[in-house]
Amino acid sequence: MPLRNLSRLTVKLTLLATVITLGLTSLTAADASIGEPKYGNARFFRYHADFLERGAKGPVGVLFIGDSITAGWAAKSEIWDKAWGDYQPANFGIGGDQTQHVIWRIEQGELDKVNPKVVVLMIGTNNLGGHTAPDIAAANGKIVSMIHAKLPETKVLLL
């Protein structure tokens, strides 16, 4: 077999393996719209407990919910305090979170003791590896509906 044909065959087999792998990944990924914790991740549960405590301590005027992008917004405290300090902010971002993790956190009470004027929601980026865009959009829609059900007077900003 000439080298040129071998190269084409290698490319085709690589593409086929990639398509199969991506297909299997989406079959094994957790449903983006069903709440699920990060089993075996102590940090996730520690943050969840901290968020419950922060909510109970109150007051929260602006609540940020999401993944590491959201969590990172509070990393530079002087900038965070200058931008949001007057609005009683709380940042409920956890690195690596996906939509199903935020759904679980809401189901487990993270919104029960807060009454913010605004919720800023930034979630779904980490779902891209195993979920379709329509699945992620549906999960985000479910999260927004859950927020509205628990906090009917709160405005939601979905990023």
C-alpha atoms as a PDB file:
ATOM      1  CA  MET A   1       0.000   0.000   0.000  1.00  0.00           C
ATOM      2  CA  PRO A   2       1.520   3.355  -0.995  1.00  0.00           C
ATOM      3  CA  LEU A   3       2.389   5.749   1.829  1.00  0.00           C
ATOM      4  CA  ARG A   4      -0.194   8.257   0.616  1.00  0.00           C
ATOM      5  CA  ASN A   5      -3.045   5.737   0.925  1.00  0.00           C
ATOM      6  CA  LEU A   6      -1.781   4.672   4.353  1.00  0.00           C
ATOM      7  CA  SER A   7      -1.923   8.317   5.511  1.00  0.00           C
ATOM      8  CA  ARG A   8      -5.495   8.671   4.293  1.00  0.00           C
ATOM      9  CA  LEU A   9      -6.475   5.442   6.013  1.00  0.00           C
ATOM     10  CA  THR A  10      -4.857   6.621   9.249  1.00  0.00           C
ATOM     11  CA  VAL A  11      -6.742   9.921   9.086  1.00  0.00           C
ATOM     12  CA  LYS A  12     -10.042   8.144   8.404  1.00  0.00           C
ATOM     13  CA  LEU A  13      -9.524   5.681  11.250  1.00  0.00           C
ATOM     14  CA  THR A  14      -8.572   8.507  13.616  1.00  0.00           C
ATOM     15  CA  LEU A  15     -11.710  10.442  12.679  1.00  0.00           C
ATOM     16  CA  LEU A  16     -13.852   7.336  13.108  1.00  0.00           C
ATOM     17  CA  ALA A  17     -12.335   6.643  16.539  1.00  0.00           C
ATOM     18  CA  THR A  18     -12.957  10.262  17.564  1.00  0.00           C
ATOM     19  CA  VAL A  19     -16.605  10.136  16.478  1.00  0.00           C
ATOM     20  CA  ILE A  20     -17.157   6.851  18.316  1.00  0.00           C
ATOM     21  CA  THR A  21     -15.460   8.173  21.460  1.00  0.00           C
ATOM     22  CA  LEU A  22     -17.528  11.355  21.448  1.00  0.00           C
ATOM     23  CA  GLY A  23     -20.682   9.341  20.906  1.00  0.00           C
ATOM     24  CA  LEU A  24     -19.897   7.031  23.807  1.00  0.00           C
ATOM     25  CA  THR A  25     -19.038   9.994  26.024  1.00  0.00           C
ATOM     26  CA  SER A  26     -22.447  11.529  25.440  1.00  0.00           C
ATOM     27  CA  LEU A  27     -24.115   8.193  26.219  1.00  0.00           C
ATOM     28  CA  THR A  28     -22.351   7.920  29.569  1.00  0.00           C
ATOM     29  CA  ALA A  29     -22.671  11.568  30.637  1.00  0.00           C
ATOM     30  CA  ALA A  30     -25.076  12.311  33.469  1.00  0.00           C
ATOM     31  CA  ASP A  31     -28.353  13.921  32.451  1.00  0.00           C
ATOM     32  CA  ALA A  32     -27.705  17.666  32.508  1.00  0.00           C
ATOM     33  CA  SER A  33     -31.214  18.360  33.874  1.00  0.00           C
ATOM     34  CA  ILE A  34     -31.235  15.929  36.803  1.00  0.00           C
ATOM     35  CA  GLY A  35     -29.668  17.101  40.037  1.00  0.00           C
ATOM     36  CA  GLU A  36     -26.576  15.205  41.065  1.00  0.00           C
ATOM     37  CA  PRO A  37     -23.797  15.987  43.553  1.00  0.00           C
ATOM     38  CA  LYS A  38     -20.106  15.407  42.880  1.00  0.00           C
ATOM     39  CA  TYR A  39     -19.788  12.134  44.760  1.00  0.00           C
ATOM     40  CA  GLY A  40     -16.341  11.655  46.271  1.00  0.00           C
ATOM     41  CA  ASN A  41     -15.473  15.354  45.991  1.00  0.00           C
ATOM     42  CA  ALA A  42     -15.095  16.665  49.541  1.00  0.00           C
ATOM     43  CA  ARG A  43     -14.424  20.199  48.294  1.00  0.00           C
ATOM     44  CA  PHE A  44     -17.812  20.294  46.555  1.00  0.00           C
ATOM     45  CA  PHE A  45     -19.648  19.328  49.765  1.00  0.00           C
ATOM     46  CA  ARG A  46     -17.553  21.748  51.844  1.00  0.00           C
ATOM     47  CA  TYR A  47     -18.463  24.624  49.515  1.00  0.00           C
ATOM     48  CA  HIS A  48     -22.109  23.581  49.602  1.00  0.00           C
ATOM     49  CA  ALA A  49     -22.071  23.688  53.420  1.00  0.00           C
ATOM     50  CA  ASP A  50     -20.352  27.105  53.309  1.00  0.00           C
ATOM     51  CA  PHE A  51     -23.036  28.416  50.941  1.00  0.00           C
ATOM     52  CA  LEU A  52     -25.822  27.184  53.210  1.00  0.00           C
ATOM     53  CA  GLU A  53     -24.130  28.964  56.118  1.00  0.00           C
ATOM     54  CA  ARG A  54     -23.645  32.163  54.095  1.00  0.00           C
ATOM     55  CA  GLY A  55     -27.297  32.142  53.072  1.00  0.00           C
ATOM     56  CA  ALA A  56     -28.437  31.704  56.668  1.00  0.00           C
ATOM     57  CA  LYS A  57     -26.155  34.533  57.802  1.00  0.00           C
ATOM     58  CA  GLY A  58     -27.747  36.904  55.262  1.00  0.00           C
ATOM     59  CA  PRO A  59     -28.455  39.356  53.838  1.00  0.00           C
ATOM     60  CA  VAL A  60     -27.715  38.651  50.169  1.00  0.00           C
ATOM     61  CA  GLY A  61     -28.581  41.340  47.633  1.00  0.00           C
ATOM     62  CA  VAL A  62     -26.834  39.877  44.572  1.00  0.00           C
ATOM     63  CA  LEU A  63     -26.205  36.139  44.301  1.00  0.00           C
ATOM     64  CA  PHE A  64     -23.734  34.671  41.818  1.00  0.00           C
ATOM     65  CA  ILE A  65     -24.229  30.967  41.011  1.00  0.00           C
ATOM     66  CA  GLY A  66     -22.076  28.869  38.714  1.00  0.00           C
ATOM     67  CA  ASP A  67     -18.759  27.194  38.028  1.00  0.00           C
ATOM     68  CA  SER A  68     -15.105  28.257  38.264  1.00  0.00           C
ATOM     69  CA  ILE A  69     -15.701  31.246  36.008  1.00  0.00           C
ATOM     70  CA  THR A  70     -18.214  32.524  38.541  1.00  0.00           C
ATOM     71  CA  ALA A  71     -16.048  31.562  41.525  1.00  0.00           C
ATOM     72  CA  GLY A  72     -13.125  33.423  39.982  1.00  0.00           C
ATOM     73  CA  TRP A  73     -14.967  36.726  39.980  1.00  0.00           C
ATOM     74  CA  ALA A  74     -14.508  36.973  43.754  1.00  0.00           C
ATOM     75  CA  ALA A  75     -10.842  35.925  43.669  1.00  0.00           C
ATOM     76  CA  LYS A  76      -9.573  39.517  43.568  1.00  0.00           C
ATOM     77  CA  SER A  77     -11.303  40.753  46.704  1.00  0.00           C
ATOM     78  CA  GLU A  78     -10.392  44.423  46.253  1.00  0.00           C
ATOM     79  CA  ILE A  79     -11.997  44.480  42.795  1.00  0.00           C
ATOM     80  CA  TRP A  80     -14.950  42.353  43.956  1.00  0.00           C
ATOM     81  CA  ASP A  81     -15.544  44.612  46.965  1.00  0.00           C
ATOM     82  CA  LYS A  82     -15.301  47.771  44.873  1.00  0.00           C
ATOM     83  CA  ALA A  83     -17.703  46.483  42.212  1.00  0.00           C
ATOM     84  CA  TRP A  84     -20.203  44.616  44.387  1.00  0.00           C
ATOM     85  CA  GLY A  85     -19.592  45.499  48.043  1.00  0.00           C
ATOM     86  CA  ASP A  86     -22.535  47.909  48.255  1.00  0.00           C
ATOM     87  CA  TYR A  87     -24.936  45.218  47.017  1.00  0.00           C
ATOM     88  CA  GLN A  88     -24.426  42.533  49.691  1.00  0.00           C
ATOM     89  CA  PRO A  89     -22.973  39.977  47.256  1.00  0.00           C
ATOM     90  CA  ALA A  90     -22.562  36.253  47.723  1.00  0.00           C
ATOM     91  CA  ASN A  91     -20.619  34.052  45.325  1.00  0.00           C
ATOM     92  CA  PHE A  92     -21.866  30.456  45.105  1.00  0.00           C
ATOM     93  CA  GLY A  93     -19.485  29.406  42.313  1.00  0.00           C
ATOM     94  CA  ILE A  94     -17.687  26.043  42.424  1.00  0.00           C
ATOM     95  CA  GLY A  95     -14.927  25.075  40.021  1.00  0.00           C
ATOM     96  CA  GLY A  96     -15.868  22.198  37.742  1.00  0.00           C
ATOM     97  CA  ASP A  97     -19.586  22.483  38.389  1.00  0.00           C
ATOM     98  CA  GLN A  98     -22.015  21.453  35.690  1.00  0.00           C
ATOM     99  CA  THR A  99     -25.718  22.163  35.390  1.00  0.00           C
ATOM    100  CA  GLN A 100     -26.722  18.989  37.237  1.00  0.00           C
ATOM    101  CA  HIS A 101     -24.557  20.036  40.199  1.00  0.00           C
ATOM    102  CA  VAL A 102     -26.229  23.454  40.451  1.00  0.00           C
ATOM    103  CA  ILE A 103     -29.643  21.769  40.223  1.00  0.00           C
ATOM    104  CA  TRP A 104     -28.671  19.462  43.091  1.00  0.00           C
ATOM    105  CA  ARG A 105     -27.380  22.389  45.158  1.00  0.00           C
ATOM    106  CA  ILE A 106     -30.662  24.264  44.688  1.00  0.00           C
ATOM    107  CA  GLU A 107     -32.629  21.107  45.566  1.00  0.00           C
ATOM    108  CA  GLN A 108     -30.523  20.835  48.732  1.00  0.00           C
ATOM    109  CA  GLY A 109     -31.435  24.306  49.980  1.00  0.00           C
ATOM    110  CA  GLU A 110     -28.893  26.816  48.714  1.00  0.00           C
ATOM    111  CA  LEU A 111     -31.677  29.275  47.853  1.00  0.00           C
ATOM    112  CA  ASP A 112     -33.846  28.600  50.895  1.00  0.00           C
ATOM    113  CA  LYS A 113     -32.427  31.290  53.189  1.00  0.00           C
ATOM    114  CA  VAL A 114     -31.599  34.003  50.649  1.00  0.00           C
ATOM    115  CA  ASN A 115     -33.754  36.639  49.024  1.00  0.00           C
ATOM    116  CA  PRO A 116     -31.530  38.498  46.568  1.00  0.00           C
ATOM    117  CA  LYS A 117     -32.769  41.164  44.212  1.00  0.00           C
ATOM    118  CA  VAL A 118     -30.684  39.600  41.432  1.00  0.00           C
ATOM    119  CA  VAL A 119     -29.204  36.172  40.691  1.00  0.00           C
ATOM    120  CA  VAL A 120     -26.366  36.065  38.156  1.00  0.00           C
ATOM    121  CA  LEU A 121     -26.185  32.543  36.693  1.00  0.00           C
ATOM    122  CA  MET A 122     -23.155  31.376  34.703  1.00  0.00           C
ATOM    123  CA  ILE A 123     -23.230  27.598  34.204  1.00  0.00           C
ATOM    124  CA  GLY A 124     -22.961  25.041  31.409  1.00  0.00           C
ATOM    125  CA  THR A 125     -19.407  25.516  30.163  1.00  0.00           C
ATOM    126  CA  ASN A 126     -18.252  22.302  31.846  1.00  0.00           C
ATOM    127  CA  ASN A 127     -21.152  20.388  30.266  1.00  0.00           C
ATOM    128  CA  LEU A 128     -19.746  20.931  26.774  1.00  0.00           C
ATOM    129  CA  GLY A 129     -17.618  17.771  26.896  1.00  0.00           C
ATOM    130  CA  GLY A 130     -20.544  15.388  27.233  1.00  0.00           C
ATOM    131  CA  HIS A 131     -23.809  17.166  26.483  1.00  0.00           C
ATOM    132  CA  THR A 132     -25.423  18.733  23.460  1.00  0.00           C
ATOM    133  CA  ALA A 133     -26.227  22.431  23.247  1.00  0.00           C
ATOM    134  CA  PRO A 134     -29.993  21.714  23.475  1.00  0.00           C
ATOM    135  CA  ASP A 135     -29.396  19.602  26.623  1.00  0.00           C
ATOM    136  CA  ILE A 136     -27.402  22.412  28.233  1.00  0.00           C
ATOM    137  CA  ALA A 137     -29.989  25.023  27.247  1.00  0.00           C
ATOM    138  CA  ALA A 138     -32.785  22.863  28.699  1.00  0.00           C
ATOM    139  CA  ALA A 139     -30.843  22.411  31.941  1.00  0.00           C
ATOM    140  CA  ASN A 140     -30.216  26.157  32.174  1.00  0.00           C
ATOM    141  CA  GLY A 141     -33.933  26.725  31.594  1.00  0.00           C
ATOM    142  CA  LYS A 142     -34.711  24.319  34.422  1.00  0.00           C
ATOM    143  CA  ILE A 143     -32.315  26.162  36.749  1.00  0.00           C
ATOM    144  CA  VAL A 144     -33.900  29.522  35.900  1.00  0.00           C
ATOM    145  CA  SER A 145     -37.355  28.010  36.570  1.00  0.00           C
ATOM    146  CA  MET A 146     -36.150  26.639  39.909  1.00  0.00           C
ATOM    147  CA  ILE A 147     -34.800  30.061  40.870  1.00  0.00           C
ATOM    148  CA  HIS A 148     -38.094  31.728  39.914  1.00  0.00           C
ATOM    149  CA  ALA A 149     -40.073  29.121  41.873  1.00  0.00           C
ATOM    150  CA  LYS A 150     -38.035  29.689  45.044  1.00  0.00           C
ATOM    151  CA  LEU A 151     -37.440  33.425  44.570  1.00  0.00           C
ATOM    152  CA  PRO A 152     -40.371  34.814  42.551  1.00  0.00           C
ATOM    153  CA  GLU A 153     -39.413  38.475  43.078  1.00  0.00           C
ATOM    154  CA  THR A 154     -35.774  37.951  42.076  1.00  0.00           C
ATOM    155  CA  LYS A 155     -34.457  38.965  38.659  1.00  0.00           C
ATOM    156  CA  VAL A 156     -32.254  36.368  36.939  1.00  0.00           C
ATOM    157  CA  LEU A 157     -29.373  37.301  34.681  1.00  0.00           C
ATOM    158  CA  LEU A 158     -28.323  34.236  32.642  1.00  0.00           C
ATOM    159  CA  LEU A 159     -24.876  34.588  31.105  1.00  0.00           C
END
